[in-house]
Amino acid sequence: MRSLLLLALLAFAATGCKDHNDHGDDHAEVFAFDLLVNNVVVASQTGTTVTGSIGVGVGSSAVVTVRLKDDTGSEITEWEDEVTLEVVSADAATVSVTEISTAQRSFRLTGAAEGSTTITLMLMHGGHADFESRPIVVSSTRPL
């Protein structure tokens, strides 16, 4: 009886995951990404490991470009039409996020106050995140 119940629960869990992840279309799975400022990689995530950080001056801004990669390290060059890029600052009073462009795969960070916070990137599809990054550190400093 326990085996039958366990089997039923596993089947339900597998079906639930499939329904959540299968949108009826083929899309590349994001395994890694690079964040570039002025064509220089400043931060990246591979698997669950984040390296680097982004710096922006108080009162200044930086355009950040996103380069997504699959599990082979190849760049994902095509995004589905229904996928949108969302970027959220943990503290918009320190660093704000504006001008998010899914088409350009970029966003603008503006330093509002001295300090540091984190941002999180998400690829939204069908009302939920198909991909969500680990927190990425962003520091805002006063000019010297």
C-alpha atoms as a PDB file:
ATOM      1  CA  MET A   1       0.000   0.000   0.000  1.00  0.00           C
ATOM      2  CA  ARG A   2       2.835   2.406   0.888  1.00  0.00           C
ATOM      3  CA  SER A   3       4.541   1.645  -2.414  1.00  0.00           C
ATOM      4  CA  LEU A   4       1.358   2.395  -4.318  1.00  0.00           C
ATOM      5  CA  LEU A   5       0.902   5.704  -2.457  1.00  0.00           C
ATOM      6  CA  LEU A   6       4.552   6.650  -3.044  1.00  0.00           C
ATOM      7  CA  LEU A   7       4.235   5.808  -6.734  1.00  0.00           C
ATOM      8  CA  ALA A   8       1.086   7.931  -7.017  1.00  0.00           C
ATOM      9  CA  LEU A   9       2.794  10.887  -5.313  1.00  0.00           C
ATOM     10  CA  LEU A  10       5.841  10.611  -7.569  1.00  0.00           C
ATOM     11  CA  ALA A  11       3.639  10.488 -10.664  1.00  0.00           C
ATOM     12  CA  PHE A  12       1.721  13.558  -9.468  1.00  0.00           C
ATOM     13  CA  ALA A  13       4.948  15.457  -8.723  1.00  0.00           C
ATOM     14  CA  ALA A  14       6.426  14.592 -12.123  1.00  0.00           C
ATOM     15  CA  THR A  15       3.245  15.694 -13.880  1.00  0.00           C
ATOM     16  CA  GLY A  16       3.142  18.941 -11.899  1.00  0.00           C
ATOM     17  CA  CYS A  17       6.721  19.780 -12.839  1.00  0.00           C
ATOM     18  CA  LYS A  18       6.090  18.920 -16.487  1.00  0.00           C
ATOM     19  CA  ASP A  19       3.027  21.163 -16.640  1.00  0.00           C
ATOM     20  CA  HIS A  20       4.970  24.029 -15.057  1.00  0.00           C
ATOM     21  CA  ASN A  21       7.986  23.715 -17.349  1.00  0.00           C
ATOM     22  CA  ASP A  22       6.369  22.579 -20.596  1.00  0.00           C
ATOM     23  CA  HIS A  23       4.718  25.515 -22.328  1.00  0.00           C
ATOM     24  CA  GLY A  24       4.009  23.587 -25.480  1.00  0.00           C
ATOM     25  CA  ASP A  25       7.063  25.013 -27.202  1.00  0.00           C
ATOM     26  CA  ASP A  26      10.766  24.366 -27.334  1.00  0.00           C
ATOM     27  CA  HIS A  27      12.929  26.904 -25.540  1.00  0.00           C
ATOM     28  CA  ALA A  28      16.561  26.912 -24.557  1.00  0.00           C
ATOM     29  CA  GLU A  29      17.335  26.296 -20.924  1.00  0.00           C
ATOM     30  CA  VAL A  30      19.521  29.001 -19.379  1.00  0.00           C
ATOM     31  CA  PHE A  31      22.506  27.550 -17.535  1.00  0.00           C
ATOM     32  CA  ALA A  32      24.728  30.618 -17.359  1.00  0.00           C
ATOM     33  CA  PHE A  33      24.867  34.298 -18.220  1.00  0.00           C
ATOM     34  CA  ASP A  34      27.286  37.201 -18.434  1.00  0.00           C
ATOM     35  CA  LEU A  35      26.507  40.823 -17.613  1.00  0.00           C
ATOM     36  CA  LEU A  36      28.486  43.295 -19.685  1.00  0.00           C
ATOM     37  CA  VAL A  37      29.104  47.025 -19.273  1.00  0.00           C
ATOM     38  CA  ASN A  38      30.807  48.684 -22.257  1.00  0.00           C
ATOM     39  CA  ASN A  39      31.355  45.202 -23.769  1.00  0.00           C
ATOM     40  CA  VAL A  40      33.311  44.036 -20.689  1.00  0.00           C
ATOM     41  CA  VAL A  41      32.020  41.149 -18.544  1.00  0.00           C
ATOM     42  CA  VAL A  42      31.565  42.533 -15.027  1.00  0.00           C
ATOM     43  CA  ALA A  43      29.495  39.757 -13.454  1.00  0.00           C
ATOM     44  CA  SER A  44      28.372  36.280 -14.388  1.00  0.00           C
ATOM     45  CA  GLN A  45      26.538  33.242 -13.124  1.00  0.00           C
ATOM     46  CA  THR A  46      27.283  29.643 -14.056  1.00  0.00           C
ATOM     47  CA  GLY A  47      24.923  27.126 -12.544  1.00  0.00           C
ATOM     48  CA  THR A  48      24.349  28.640  -9.113  1.00  0.00           C
ATOM     49  CA  THR A  49      27.755  30.337  -8.769  1.00  0.00           C
ATOM     50  CA  VAL A  50      27.886  34.126  -9.165  1.00  0.00           C
ATOM     51  CA  THR A  51      31.170  35.933  -9.781  1.00  0.00           C
ATOM     52  CA  GLY A  52      31.889  39.634 -10.077  1.00  0.00           C
ATOM     53  CA  SER A  53      29.752  42.646  -9.303  1.00  0.00           C
ATOM     54  CA  ILE A  54      28.550  45.832 -10.931  1.00  0.00           C
ATOM     55  CA  GLY A  55      29.634  49.322  -9.923  1.00  0.00           C
ATOM     56  CA  VAL A  56      27.844  52.549 -10.722  1.00  0.00           C
ATOM     57  CA  GLY A  57      28.421  56.087  -9.448  1.00  0.00           C
ATOM     58  CA  VAL A  58      25.836  58.006  -7.443  1.00  0.00           C
ATOM     59  CA  GLY A  59      23.957  60.130  -9.984  1.00  0.00           C
ATOM     60  CA  SER A  60      25.389  58.090 -12.865  1.00  0.00           C
ATOM     61  CA  SER A  61      24.040  55.191 -14.820  1.00  0.00           C
ATOM     62  CA  ALA A  62      25.327  52.191 -16.725  1.00  0.00           C
ATOM     63  CA  VAL A  63      23.710  50.158 -19.472  1.00  0.00           C
ATOM     64  CA  VAL A  64      24.097  46.454 -18.740  1.00  0.00           C
ATOM     65  CA  THR A  65      23.823  43.880 -21.519  1.00  0.00           C
ATOM     66  CA  VAL A  66      22.741  40.309 -20.769  1.00  0.00           C
ATOM     67  CA  ARG A  67      24.363  37.385 -22.602  1.00  0.00           C
ATOM     68  CA  LEU A  68      22.586  34.080 -21.857  1.00  0.00           C
ATOM     69  CA  LYS A  69      24.286  30.691 -22.282  1.00  0.00           C
ATOM     70  CA  ASP A  70      23.123  27.094 -22.398  1.00  0.00           C
ATOM     71  CA  ASP A  71      24.764  24.150 -20.608  1.00  0.00           C
ATOM     72  CA  THR A  72      27.380  23.802 -23.377  1.00  0.00           C
ATOM     73  CA  GLY A  73      28.514  27.418 -22.956  1.00  0.00           C
ATOM     74  CA  SER A  74      26.960  28.474 -26.265  1.00  0.00           C
ATOM     75  CA  GLU A  75      25.209  31.818 -26.346  1.00  0.00           C
ATOM     76  CA  ILE A  76      21.425  31.682 -26.566  1.00  0.00           C
ATOM     77  CA  THR A  77      20.769  34.088 -29.412  1.00  0.00           C
ATOM     78  CA  GLU A  78      17.035  33.644 -29.908  1.00  0.00           C
ATOM     79  CA  TRP A  79      14.411  34.284 -27.279  1.00  0.00           C
ATOM     80  CA  GLU A  80      10.783  33.379 -27.717  1.00  0.00           C
ATOM     81  CA  ASP A  81       8.447  36.282 -28.491  1.00  0.00           C
ATOM     82  CA  GLU A  82       6.529  35.673 -25.257  1.00  0.00           C
ATOM     83  CA  VAL A  83       9.656  35.840 -23.046  1.00  0.00           C
ATOM     84  CA  THR A  84      10.379  39.133 -21.305  1.00  0.00           C
ATOM     85  CA  LEU A  85      13.372  40.232 -19.288  1.00  0.00           C
ATOM     86  CA  GLU A  86      12.659  41.493 -15.789  1.00  0.00           C
ATOM     87  CA  VAL A  87      15.304  42.956 -13.459  1.00  0.00           C
ATOM     88  CA  VAL A  88      14.543  43.822  -9.840  1.00  0.00           C
ATOM     89  CA  SER A  89      16.673  45.825  -7.407  1.00  0.00           C
ATOM     90  CA  ALA A  90      16.502  44.734  -3.767  1.00  0.00           C
ATOM     91  CA  ASP A  91      16.877  48.420  -2.798  1.00  0.00           C
ATOM     92  CA  ALA A  92      15.777  50.910  -5.453  1.00  0.00           C
ATOM     93  CA  ALA A  93      16.696  53.777  -3.101  1.00  0.00           C
ATOM     94  CA  THR A  94      20.354  52.745  -3.601  1.00  0.00           C
ATOM     95  CA  VAL A  95      20.327  51.518  -7.220  1.00  0.00           C
ATOM     96  CA  SER A  96      17.344  51.729  -9.549  1.00  0.00           C
ATOM     97  CA  VAL A  97      16.645  49.639 -12.631  1.00  0.00           C
ATOM     98  CA  THR A  98      15.084  51.308 -15.682  1.00  0.00           C
ATOM     99  CA  GLU A  99      14.892  50.961 -19.451  1.00  0.00           C
ATOM    100  CA  ILE A 100      14.640  47.171 -19.455  1.00  0.00           C
ATOM    101  CA  SER A 101      14.718  46.032 -23.078  1.00  0.00           C
ATOM    102  CA  THR A 102      13.995  42.416 -23.902  1.00  0.00           C
ATOM    103  CA  ALA A 103      14.748  43.073 -27.571  1.00  0.00           C
ATOM    104  CA  GLN A 104      18.142  44.638 -26.808  1.00  0.00           C
ATOM    105  CA  ARG A 105      18.748  42.260 -23.868  1.00  0.00           C
ATOM    106  CA  SER A 106      19.757  45.173 -21.713  1.00  0.00           C
ATOM    107  CA  PHE A 107      18.780  47.390 -18.801  1.00  0.00           C
ATOM    108  CA  ARG A 108      20.001  50.585 -17.146  1.00  0.00           C
ATOM    109  CA  LEU A 109      21.249  50.813 -13.548  1.00  0.00           C
ATOM    110  CA  THR A 110      21.341  54.233 -11.868  1.00  0.00           C
ATOM    111  CA  GLY A 111      23.100  54.961  -8.599  1.00  0.00           C
ATOM    112  CA  ALA A 112      20.705  56.855  -6.331  1.00  0.00           C
ATOM    113  CA  ALA A 113      22.591  56.739  -3.008  1.00  0.00           C
ATOM    114  CA  GLU A 114      25.891  55.434  -1.715  1.00  0.00           C
ATOM    115  CA  GLY A 115      25.806  51.791  -0.701  1.00  0.00           C
ATOM    116  CA  SER A 116      25.308  48.372  -2.166  1.00  0.00           C
ATOM    117  CA  THR A 117      22.357  46.170  -2.968  1.00  0.00           C
ATOM    118  CA  THR A 118      21.584  43.256  -5.246  1.00  0.00           C
ATOM    119  CA  ILE A 119      19.659  42.772  -8.449  1.00  0.00           C
ATOM    120  CA  THR A 120      17.882  39.658  -9.671  1.00  0.00           C
ATOM    121  CA  LEU A 121      17.279  38.831 -13.343  1.00  0.00           C
ATOM    122  CA  MET A 122      14.240  36.859 -14.443  1.00  0.00           C
ATOM    123  CA  LEU A 123      13.043  35.587 -17.787  1.00  0.00           C
ATOM    124  CA  MET A 124       9.273  35.762 -17.575  1.00  0.00           C
ATOM    125  CA  HIS A 125       7.017  33.507 -19.643  1.00  0.00           C
ATOM    126  CA  GLY A 126       3.356  32.700 -19.168  1.00  0.00           C
ATOM    127  CA  GLY A 127       3.049  34.599 -15.882  1.00  0.00           C
ATOM    128  CA  HIS A 128       6.002  32.959 -14.128  1.00  0.00           C
ATOM    129  CA  ALA A 129       9.791  33.009 -14.224  1.00  0.00           C
ATOM    130  CA  ASP A 130      11.311  30.367 -16.524  1.00  0.00           C
ATOM    131  CA  PHE A 131      14.678  31.472 -15.124  1.00  0.00           C
ATOM    132  CA  GLU A 132      15.674  33.467 -12.035  1.00  0.00           C
ATOM    133  CA  SER A 133      19.251  34.423 -11.240  1.00  0.00           C
ATOM    134  CA  ARG A 134      20.966  34.407  -7.895  1.00  0.00           C
ATOM    135  CA  PRO A 135      21.377  37.898  -6.372  1.00  0.00           C
ATOM    136  CA  ILE A 136      24.100  39.949  -8.092  1.00  0.00           C
ATOM    137  CA  VAL A 137      25.868  42.638  -6.076  1.00  0.00           C
ATOM    138  CA  VAL A 138      25.630  46.231  -7.313  1.00  0.00           C
ATOM    139  CA  SER A 139      27.583  48.992  -5.559  1.00  0.00           C
ATOM    140  CA  SER A 140      26.869  52.686  -5.847  1.00  0.00           C
ATOM    141  CA  THR A 141      29.706  55.002  -4.891  1.00  0.00           C
ATOM    142  CA  ARG A 142      30.298  58.730  -4.794  1.00  0.00           C
ATOM    143  CA  PRO A 143      32.743  60.121  -7.362  1.00  0.00           C
ATOM    144  CA  LEU A 144      36.230  60.862  -6.024  1.00  0.00           C
END
